[in-house]
PDB file of all heavy atoms in Angstrom:
ATOM      1  N   ILE A   1       0.838  -1.202   0.000  1.00  0.00           N
ATOM      2  CA  ILE A   1       0.000   0.000   0.000  1.00  0.00           C
ATOM      3  C   ILE A   1       0.873   1.252   0.000  1.00  0.00           C
ATOM      4  O   ILE A   1       0.582   2.240  -0.687  1.00  0.00           O
ATOM      5  CB  ILE A   1      -0.953  -0.005   1.209  1.00  0.00           C
ATOM      6  CG1 ILE A   1      -1.925  -1.192   1.128  1.00  0.00           C
ATOM      7  CG2 ILE A   1      -1.728   1.297   1.294  1.00  0.00           C
ATOM      8  CD1 ILE A   1      -2.830  -1.326   2.333  1.00  0.00           C
ATOM      9  N   ILE A   2       1.978   1.202   0.743  1.00  0.00           N
ATOM     10  CA  ILE A   2       2.880   2.354   0.821  1.00  0.00           C
ATOM     11  C   ILE A   2       3.489   2.657  -0.542  1.00  0.00           C
ATOM     12  O   ILE A   2       3.521   3.809  -0.986  1.00  0.00           O
ATOM     13  CB  ILE A   2       3.977   2.105   1.876  1.00  0.00           C
ATOM     14  CG1 ILE A   2       3.354   2.043   3.276  1.00  0.00           C
ATOM     15  CG2 ILE A   2       5.038   3.204   1.814  1.00  0.00           C
ATOM     16  CD1 ILE A   2       4.333   1.694   4.368  1.00  0.00           C
ATOM     17  N   ILE A   3       3.968   1.621  -1.248  1.00  0.00           N
ATOM     18  CA  ILE A   3       4.602   1.883  -2.542  1.00  0.00           C
ATOM     19  C   ILE A   3       3.574   2.301  -3.586  1.00  0.00           C
ATOM     20  O   ILE A   3       3.913   2.991  -4.547  1.00  0.00           O
ATOM     21  CB  ILE A   3       5.391   0.655  -3.036  1.00  0.00           C
ATOM     22  CG1 ILE A   3       4.453  -0.481  -3.428  1.00  0.00           C
ATOM     23  CG2 ILE A   3       6.387   0.196  -2.000  1.00  0.00           C
ATOM     24  CD1 ILE A   3       5.139  -1.609  -4.159  1.00  0.00           C
ATOM     25  N   CYS A   4       2.328   1.912  -3.394  1.00  0.00           N
ATOM     26  CA  CYS A   4       1.286   2.343  -4.317  1.00  0.00           C
ATOM     27  C   CYS A   4       1.022   3.836  -4.180  1.00  0.00           C
ATOM     28  O   CYS A   4       0.762   4.521  -5.175  1.00  0.00           O
ATOM     29  CB  CYS A   4       0.005   1.550  -4.065  1.00  0.00           C
ATOM     30  SG  CYS A   4      -1.342   1.914  -5.207  1.00  0.00           S
ATOM     31  N   ALA A   5       1.113   4.346  -2.964  1.00  0.00           N
ATOM     32  CA  ALA A   5       0.822   5.760  -2.720  1.00  0.00           C
ATOM     33  C   ALA A   5       2.057   6.643  -2.751  1.00  0.00           C
ATOM     34  O   ALA A   5       1.947   7.845  -3.016  1.00  0.00           O
ATOM     35  CB  ALA A   5       0.125   5.913  -1.366  1.00  0.00           C
ATOM     36  N   LEU A   6       3.233   6.076  -2.502  1.00  0.00           N
ATOM     37  CA  LEU A   6       4.446   6.892  -2.395  1.00  0.00           C
ATOM     38  C   LEU A   6       4.917   7.359  -3.778  1.00  0.00           C
ATOM     39  O   LEU A   6       5.180   6.535  -4.666  1.00  0.00           O
ATOM     40  CB  LEU A   6       5.559   6.072  -1.725  1.00  0.00           C
ATOM     41  CG  LEU A   6       6.831   6.829  -1.334  1.00  0.00           C
ATOM     42  CD1 LEU A   6       6.501   7.858  -0.247  1.00  0.00           C
ATOM     43  CD2 LEU A   6       7.890   5.850  -0.829  1.00  0.00           C
ATOM     44  N   PRO A   7       5.058   8.667  -3.987  1.00  0.00           N
ATOM     45  CA  PRO A   7       5.463   9.175  -5.311  1.00  0.00           C
ATOM     46  C   PRO A   7       6.981   9.207  -5.491  1.00  0.00           C
ATOM     47  O   PRO A   7       7.550  10.217  -5.915  1.00  0.00           O
ATOM     48  CB  PRO A   7       4.875  10.582  -5.305  1.00  0.00           C
ATOM     49  CG  PRO A   7       4.960  11.004  -3.890  1.00  0.00           C
ATOM     50  CD  PRO A   7       4.724   9.765  -3.063  1.00  0.00           C
ATOM     51  N   MET A   8       7.640   8.103  -5.194  1.00  0.00           N
ATOM     52  CA  MET A   8       9.103   8.073  -5.296  1.00  0.00           C
ATOM     53  C   MET A   8       9.572   6.759  -5.915  1.00  0.00           C
ATOM     54  O   MET A   8      10.383   6.041  -5.342  1.00  0.00           O
ATOM     55  CB  MET A   8       9.747   8.280  -3.917  1.00  0.00           C
ATOM     56  CG  MET A   8       9.511   9.652  -3.311  1.00  0.00           C
ATOM     57  SD  MET A   8      10.546   9.974  -1.875  1.00  0.00           S
ATOM     58  CE  MET A   8      12.154  10.056  -2.644  1.00  0.00           C
ATOM     59  N   TRP A   9       9.039   6.443  -7.082  1.00  0.00           N
ATOM     60  CA  TRP A   9       9.525   5.284  -7.816  1.00  0.00           C
ATOM     61  C   TRP A   9      10.798   5.632  -8.583  1.00  0.00           C
ATOM     62  O   TRP A   9      11.739   4.853  -8.619  1.00  0.00           O
ATOM     63  CB  TRP A   9       8.444   4.793  -8.785  1.00  0.00           C
ATOM     64  CG  TRP A   9       7.386   3.968  -8.115  1.00  0.00           C
ATOM     65  CD1 TRP A   9       6.521   4.381  -7.146  1.00  0.00           C
ATOM     66  CD2 TRP A   9       7.103   2.590  -8.352  1.00  0.00           C
ATOM     67  NE1 TRP A   9       5.702   3.342  -6.767  1.00  0.00           N
ATOM     68  CE2 TRP A   9       6.033   2.232  -7.503  1.00  0.00           C
ATOM     69  CE3 TRP A   9       7.625   1.629  -9.215  1.00  0.00           C
ATOM     70  CZ2 TRP A   9       5.482   0.949  -7.474  1.00  0.00           C
ATOM     71  CZ3 TRP A   9       7.085   0.349  -9.205  1.00  0.00           C
ATOM     72  CH2 TRP A   9       6.033   0.010  -8.336  1.00  0.00           C
ATOM     73  N   ARG A  10      10.811   6.798  -9.174  1.00  0.00           N
ATOM     74  CA  ARG A  10      11.972   7.234  -9.946  1.00  0.00           C
ATOM     75  C   ARG A  10      12.291   8.669  -9.560  1.00  0.00           C
ATOM     76  O   ARG A  10      11.419   9.538  -9.573  1.00  0.00           O
ATOM     77  CB  ARG A  10      11.675   7.128 -11.439  1.00  0.00           C
ATOM     78  CG  ARG A  10      12.820   7.589 -12.332  1.00  0.00           C
ATOM     79  CD  ARG A  10      12.534   7.332 -13.796  1.00  0.00           C
ATOM     80  NE  ARG A  10      11.238   7.844 -14.195  1.00  0.00           N
ATOM     81  CZ  ARG A  10      10.264   7.093 -14.722  1.00  0.00           C
ATOM     82  NH1 ARG A  10      10.450   5.810 -14.907  1.00  0.00           N
ATOM     83  NH2 ARG A  10       9.116   7.631 -15.063  1.00  0.00           N
ATOM     84  N   VAL A  11      13.550   8.930  -9.204  1.00  0.00           N
ATOM     85  CA  VAL A  11      13.988  10.248  -8.773  1.00  0.00           C
ATOM     86  C   VAL A  11      14.957  10.786  -9.823  1.00  0.00           C
ATOM     87  O   VAL A  11      15.955  10.129 -10.162  1.00  0.00           O
ATOM     88  CB  VAL A  11      14.668  10.203  -7.396  1.00  0.00           C
ATOM     89  CG1 VAL A  11      15.159  11.591  -6.998  1.00  0.00           C
ATOM     90  CG2 VAL A  11      13.697   9.671  -6.348  1.00  0.00           C
ATOM     91  N   THR A  12      14.669  11.963 -10.341  1.00  0.00           N
ATOM     92  CA  THR A  12      15.510  12.609 -11.352  1.00  0.00           C
ATOM     93  C   THR A  12      16.062  13.893 -10.768  1.00  0.00           C
ATOM     94  O   THR A  12      15.303  14.774 -10.342  1.00  0.00           O
ATOM     95  CB  THR A  12      14.699  12.925 -12.629  1.00  0.00           C
ATOM     96  OG1 THR A  12      14.115  11.726 -13.120  1.00  0.00           O
ATOM     97  CG2 THR A  12      15.592  13.529 -13.693  1.00  0.00           C
ATOM     98  N   SER A  13      17.392  14.009 -10.739  1.00  0.00           N
ATOM     99  CA  SER A  13      18.054  15.196 -10.207  1.00  0.00           C
ATOM    100  C   SER A  13      18.635  16.003 -11.359  1.00  0.00           C
ATOM    101  O   SER A  13      19.260  15.437 -12.268  1.00  0.00           O
ATOM    102  CB  SER A  13      19.172  14.795  -9.240  1.00  0.00           C
ATOM    103  OG  SER A  13      18.646  14.064  -8.153  1.00  0.00           O
ATOM    104  N   VAL A  14      18.428  17.323 -11.304  1.00  0.00           N
ATOM    105  CA  VAL A  14      18.958  18.241 -12.307  1.00  0.00           C
ATOM    106  C   VAL A  14      20.148  18.959 -11.696  1.00  0.00           C
ATOM    107  O   VAL A  14      20.012  19.697 -10.719  1.00  0.00           O
ATOM    108  CB  VAL A  14      17.886  19.245 -12.766  1.00  0.00           C
ATOM    109  CG1 VAL A  14      18.450  20.184 -13.823  1.00  0.00           C
ATOM    110  CG2 VAL A  14      16.670  18.510 -13.294  1.00  0.00           C
ATOM    111  N   LEU A  15      21.330  18.729 -12.249  1.00  0.00           N
ATOM    112  CA  LEU A  15      22.557  19.284 -11.699  1.00  0.00           C
ATOM    113  C   LEU A  15      22.897  20.606 -12.371  1.00  0.00           C
ATOM    114  O   LEU A  15      22.673  20.783 -13.569  1.00  0.00           O
ATOM    115  CB  LEU A  15      23.711  18.295 -11.903  1.00  0.00           C
ATOM    116  CG  LEU A  15      23.459  16.866 -11.388  1.00  0.00           C
ATOM    117  CD1 LEU A  15      24.643  15.985 -11.713  1.00  0.00           C
ATOM    118  CD2 LEU A  15      23.179  16.876  -9.900  1.00  0.00           C
ATOM    119  N   GLY A  16      23.410  21.517 -11.584  1.00  0.00           N
ATOM    120  CA  GLY A  16      23.910  22.771 -12.124  1.00  0.00           C
ATOM    121  C   GLY A  16      22.837  23.779 -12.486  1.00  0.00           C
ATOM    122  O   GLY A  16      23.108  24.754 -13.173  1.00  0.00           O
ATOM    123  N   SER A  17      21.613  23.581 -12.057  1.00  0.00           N
ATOM    124  CA  SER A  17      20.559  24.548 -12.355  1.00  0.00           C
ATOM    125  C   SER A  17      20.542  25.639 -11.303  1.00  0.00           C
ATOM    126  O   SER A  17      21.087  25.500 -10.220  1.00  0.00           O
ATOM    127  CB  SER A  17      19.196  23.845 -12.413  1.00  0.00           C
ATOM    128  OG  SER A  17      18.939  23.226 -11.173  1.00  0.00           O
ATOM    129  N   ASN A  18      19.876  26.754 -11.605  1.00  0.00           N
ATOM    130  CA  ASN A  18      19.820  27.838 -10.627  1.00  0.00           C
ATOM    131  C   ASN A  18      18.863  27.474  -9.504  1.00  0.00           C
ATOM    132  O   ASN A  18      18.078  26.548  -9.593  1.00  0.00           O
ATOM    133  CB  ASN A  18      19.398  29.144 -11.300  1.00  0.00           C
ATOM    134  CG  ASN A  18      18.077  28.991 -12.034  1.00  0.00           C
ATOM    135  OD1 ASN A  18      17.053  28.780 -11.409  1.00  0.00           O
ATOM    136  ND2 ASN A  18      18.103  29.101 -13.355  1.00  0.00           N
ATOM    137  N   THR A  19      18.905  28.263  -8.438  1.00  0.00           N
ATOM    138  CA  THR A  19      18.135  27.926  -7.243  1.00  0.00           C
ATOM    139  C   THR A  19      16.642  28.121  -7.420  1.00  0.00           C
ATOM    140  O   THR A  19      15.858  27.576  -6.646  1.00  0.00           O
ATOM    141  CB  THR A  19      18.610  28.790  -6.061  1.00  0.00           C
ATOM    142  OG1 THR A  19      18.485  30.165  -6.421  1.00  0.00           O
ATOM    143  CG2 THR A  19      20.066  28.489  -5.732  1.00  0.00           C
ATOM    144  N   MET A  20      16.231  28.912  -8.407  1.00  0.00           N
ATOM    145  CA  MET A  20      14.810  29.138  -8.600  1.00  0.00           C
ATOM    146  C   MET A  20      14.144  28.011  -9.367  1.00  0.00           C
ATOM    147  O   MET A  20      12.931  27.873  -9.338  1.00  0.00           O
ATOM    148  CB  MET A  20      14.601  30.461  -9.348  1.00  0.00           C
ATOM    149  CG  MET A  20      15.111  31.684  -8.587  1.00  0.00           C
ATOM    150  SD  MET A  20      14.320  31.871  -6.974  1.00  0.00           S
ATOM    151  CE  MET A  20      12.646  32.183  -7.497  1.00  0.00           C
ATOM    152  N   ALA A  21      14.903  27.189 -10.058  1.00  0.00           N
ATOM    153  CA  ALA A  21      14.354  26.092 -10.844  1.00  0.00           C
ATOM    154  C   ALA A  21      14.295  24.830  -9.993  1.00  0.00           C
ATOM    155  O   ALA A  21      15.048  24.691  -9.024  1.00  0.00           O
ATOM    156  CB  ALA A  21      15.205  25.843 -12.087  1.00  0.00           C
ATOM    157  N   PRO A  22      13.418  23.929 -10.333  1.00  0.00           N
ATOM    158  CA  PRO A  22      13.361  22.667  -9.593  1.00  0.00           C
ATOM    159  C   PRO A  22      14.684  21.921  -9.656  1.00  0.00           C
ATOM    160  O   PRO A  22      15.312  21.819 -10.712  1.00  0.00           O
ATOM    161  CB  PRO A  22      12.249  21.892 -10.314  1.00  0.00           C
ATOM    162  CG  PRO A  22      11.420  22.944 -10.972  1.00  0.00           C
ATOM    163  CD  PRO A  22      12.376  24.036 -11.351  1.00  0.00           C
ATOM    164  N   GLN A  23      15.120  21.427  -8.515  1.00  0.00           N
ATOM    165  CA  GLN A  23      16.382  20.709  -8.429  1.00  0.00           C
ATOM    166  C   GLN A  23      16.205  19.211  -8.678  1.00  0.00           C
ATOM    167  O   GLN A  23      17.127  18.545  -9.112  1.00  0.00           O
ATOM    168  CB  GLN A  23      17.004  20.923  -7.045  1.00  0.00           C
ATOM    169  CG  GLN A  23      17.333  22.377  -6.744  1.00  0.00           C
ATOM    170  CD  GLN A  23      18.407  22.914  -7.653  1.00  0.00           C
ATOM    171  OE1 GLN A  23      19.453  22.305  -7.818  1.00  0.00           O
ATOM    172  NE2 GLN A  23      18.146  24.061  -8.273  1.00  0.00           N
ATOM    173  N   SER A  24      15.057  18.689  -8.387  1.00  0.00           N
ATOM    174  CA  SER A  24      14.826  17.257  -8.573  1.00  0.00           C
ATOM    175  C   SER A  24      13.343  16.988  -8.787  1.00  0.00           C
ATOM    176  O   SER A  24      12.492  17.798  -8.402  1.00  0.00           O
ATOM    177  CB  SER A  24      15.345  16.465  -7.363  1.00  0.00           C
ATOM    178  OG  SER A  24      14.646  16.834  -6.183  1.00  0.00           O
ATOM    179  N   TYR A  25      13.101  15.849  -9.395  1.00  0.00           N
ATOM    180  CA  TYR A  25      11.733  15.392  -9.651  1.00  0.00           C
ATOM    181  C   TYR A  25      11.615  13.958  -9.155  1.00  0.00           C
ATOM    182  O   TYR A  25      12.598  13.206  -9.128  1.00  0.00           O
ATOM    183  CB  TYR A  25      11.403  15.443 -11.144  1.00  0.00           C
ATOM    184  CG  TYR A  25      11.580  16.787 -11.805  1.00  0.00           C
ATOM    185  CD1 TYR A  25      12.815  17.155 -12.346  1.00  0.00           C
ATOM    186  CD2 TYR A  25      10.523  17.676 -11.904  1.00  0.00           C
ATOM    187  CE1 TYR A  25      12.988  18.382 -12.952  1.00  0.00           C
ATOM    188  CE2 TYR A  25      10.690  18.912 -12.522  1.00  0.00           C
ATOM    189  CZ  TYR A  25      11.919  19.251 -13.038  1.00  0.00           C
ATOM    190  OH  TYR A  25      12.094  20.473 -13.649  1.00  0.00           O
ATOM    191  N   SER A  26      10.416  13.589  -8.785  1.00  0.00           N
ATOM    192  CA  SER A  26      10.150  12.201  -8.428  1.00  0.00           C
ATOM    193  C   SER A  26       8.821  11.782  -9.045  1.00  0.00           C
ATOM    194  O   SER A  26       7.850  12.538  -9.014  1.00  0.00           O
ATOM    195  CB  SER A  26      10.112  12.014  -6.905  1.00  0.00           C
ATOM    196  OG  SER A  26       9.028  12.723  -6.327  1.00  0.00           O
ATOM    197  N   ASP A  27       8.829  10.596  -9.609  1.00  0.00           N
ATOM    198  CA  ASP A  27       7.637  10.075 -10.271  1.00  0.00           C
ATOM    199  C   ASP A  27       7.090   8.896  -9.491  1.00  0.00           C
ATOM    200  O   ASP A  27       7.841   7.998  -9.076  1.00  0.00           O
ATOM    201  CB  ASP A  27       7.974   9.629 -11.703  1.00  0.00           C
ATOM    202  CG  ASP A  27       8.491  10.778 -12.542  1.00  0.00           C
ATOM    203  OD1 ASP A  27       7.992  11.902 -12.353  1.00  0.00           O
ATOM    204  OD2 ASP A  27       9.392  10.551 -13.376  1.00  0.00           O
ATOM    205  N   GLY A  28       5.779   8.900  -9.287  1.00  0.00           N
ATOM    206  CA  GLY A  28       5.097   7.780  -8.664  1.00  0.00           C
ATOM    207  C   GLY A  28       4.100   7.160  -9.612  1.00  0.00           C
ATOM    208  O   GLY A  28       4.081   7.462 -10.809  1.00  0.00           O
ATOM    209  N   LEU A  29       3.251   6.309  -9.090  1.00  0.00           N
ATOM    210  CA  LEU A  29       2.249   5.670  -9.932  1.00  0.00           C
ATOM    211  C   LEU A  29       1.111   6.613 -10.275  1.00  0.00           C
ATOM    212  O   LEU A  29       0.476   6.461 -11.333  1.00  0.00           O
ATOM    213  CB  LEU A  29       1.692   4.423  -9.228  1.00  0.00           C
ATOM    214  CG  LEU A  29       2.688   3.315  -8.905  1.00  0.00           C
ATOM    215  CD1 LEU A  29       1.960   2.134  -8.283  1.00  0.00           C
ATOM    216  CD2 LEU A  29       3.446   2.884 -10.146  1.00  0.00           C
ATOM    217  N   TRP A  30       0.853   7.591  -9.417  1.00  0.00           N
ATOM    218  CA  TRP A  30      -0.319   8.440  -9.607  1.00  0.00           C
ATOM    219  C   TRP A  30       0.020   9.915  -9.710  1.00  0.00           C
ATOM    220  O   TRP A  30      -0.759  10.678 -10.293  1.00  0.00           O
ATOM    221  CB  TRP A  30      -1.309   8.220  -8.452  1.00  0.00           C
ATOM    222  CG  TRP A  30      -1.533   6.780  -8.161  1.00  0.00           C
ATOM    223  CD1 TRP A  30      -1.017   6.069  -7.115  1.00  0.00           C
ATOM    224  CD2 TRP A  30      -2.291   5.852  -8.934  1.00  0.00           C
ATOM    225  NE1 TRP A  30      -1.416   4.771  -7.193  1.00  0.00           N
ATOM    226  CE2 TRP A  30      -2.210   4.587  -8.292  1.00  0.00           C
ATOM    227  CE3 TRP A  30      -3.059   5.967 -10.108  1.00  0.00           C
ATOM    228  CZ2 TRP A  30      -2.842   3.464  -8.780  1.00  0.00           C
ATOM    229  CZ3 TRP A  30      -3.692   4.827 -10.597  1.00  0.00           C
ATOM    230  CH2 TRP A  30      -3.579   3.595  -9.934  1.00  0.00           C
ATOM    231  N   VAL A  31       1.120  10.348  -9.119  1.00  0.00           N
ATOM    232  CA  VAL A  31       1.489  11.765  -9.143  1.00  0.00           C
ATOM    233  C   VAL A  31       2.970  11.899  -9.449  1.00  0.00           C
ATOM    234  O   VAL A  31       3.751  10.947  -9.304  1.00  0.00           O
ATOM    235  CB  VAL A  31       1.175  12.452  -7.790  1.00  0.00           C
ATOM    236  CG1 VAL A  31      -0.315  12.430  -7.497  1.00  0.00           C
ATOM    237  CG2 VAL A  31       1.960  11.808  -6.660  1.00  0.00           C
ATOM    238  N   THR A  32       3.357  13.103  -9.870  1.00  0.00           N
ATOM    239  CA  THR A  32       4.759  13.475 -10.048  1.00  0.00           C
ATOM    240  C   THR A  32       5.028  14.722  -9.222  1.00  0.00           C
ATOM    241  O   THR A  32       4.164  15.605  -9.129  1.00  0.00           O
ATOM    242  CB  THR A  32       5.083  13.713 -11.535  1.00  0.00           C
ATOM    243  OG1 THR A  32       6.460  14.088 -11.659  1.00  0.00           O
ATOM    244  CG2 THR A  32       4.210  14.790 -12.137  1.00  0.00           C
TER     245      THR A  32
END
């Protein structure tokens, strides 16, 4: 049940971006 709801199946980090832009993303089964 936890892995079904947890939006952290895949984590994408963006290196070298400015502080105002998103630094990382995480994708789950239902939300990103």
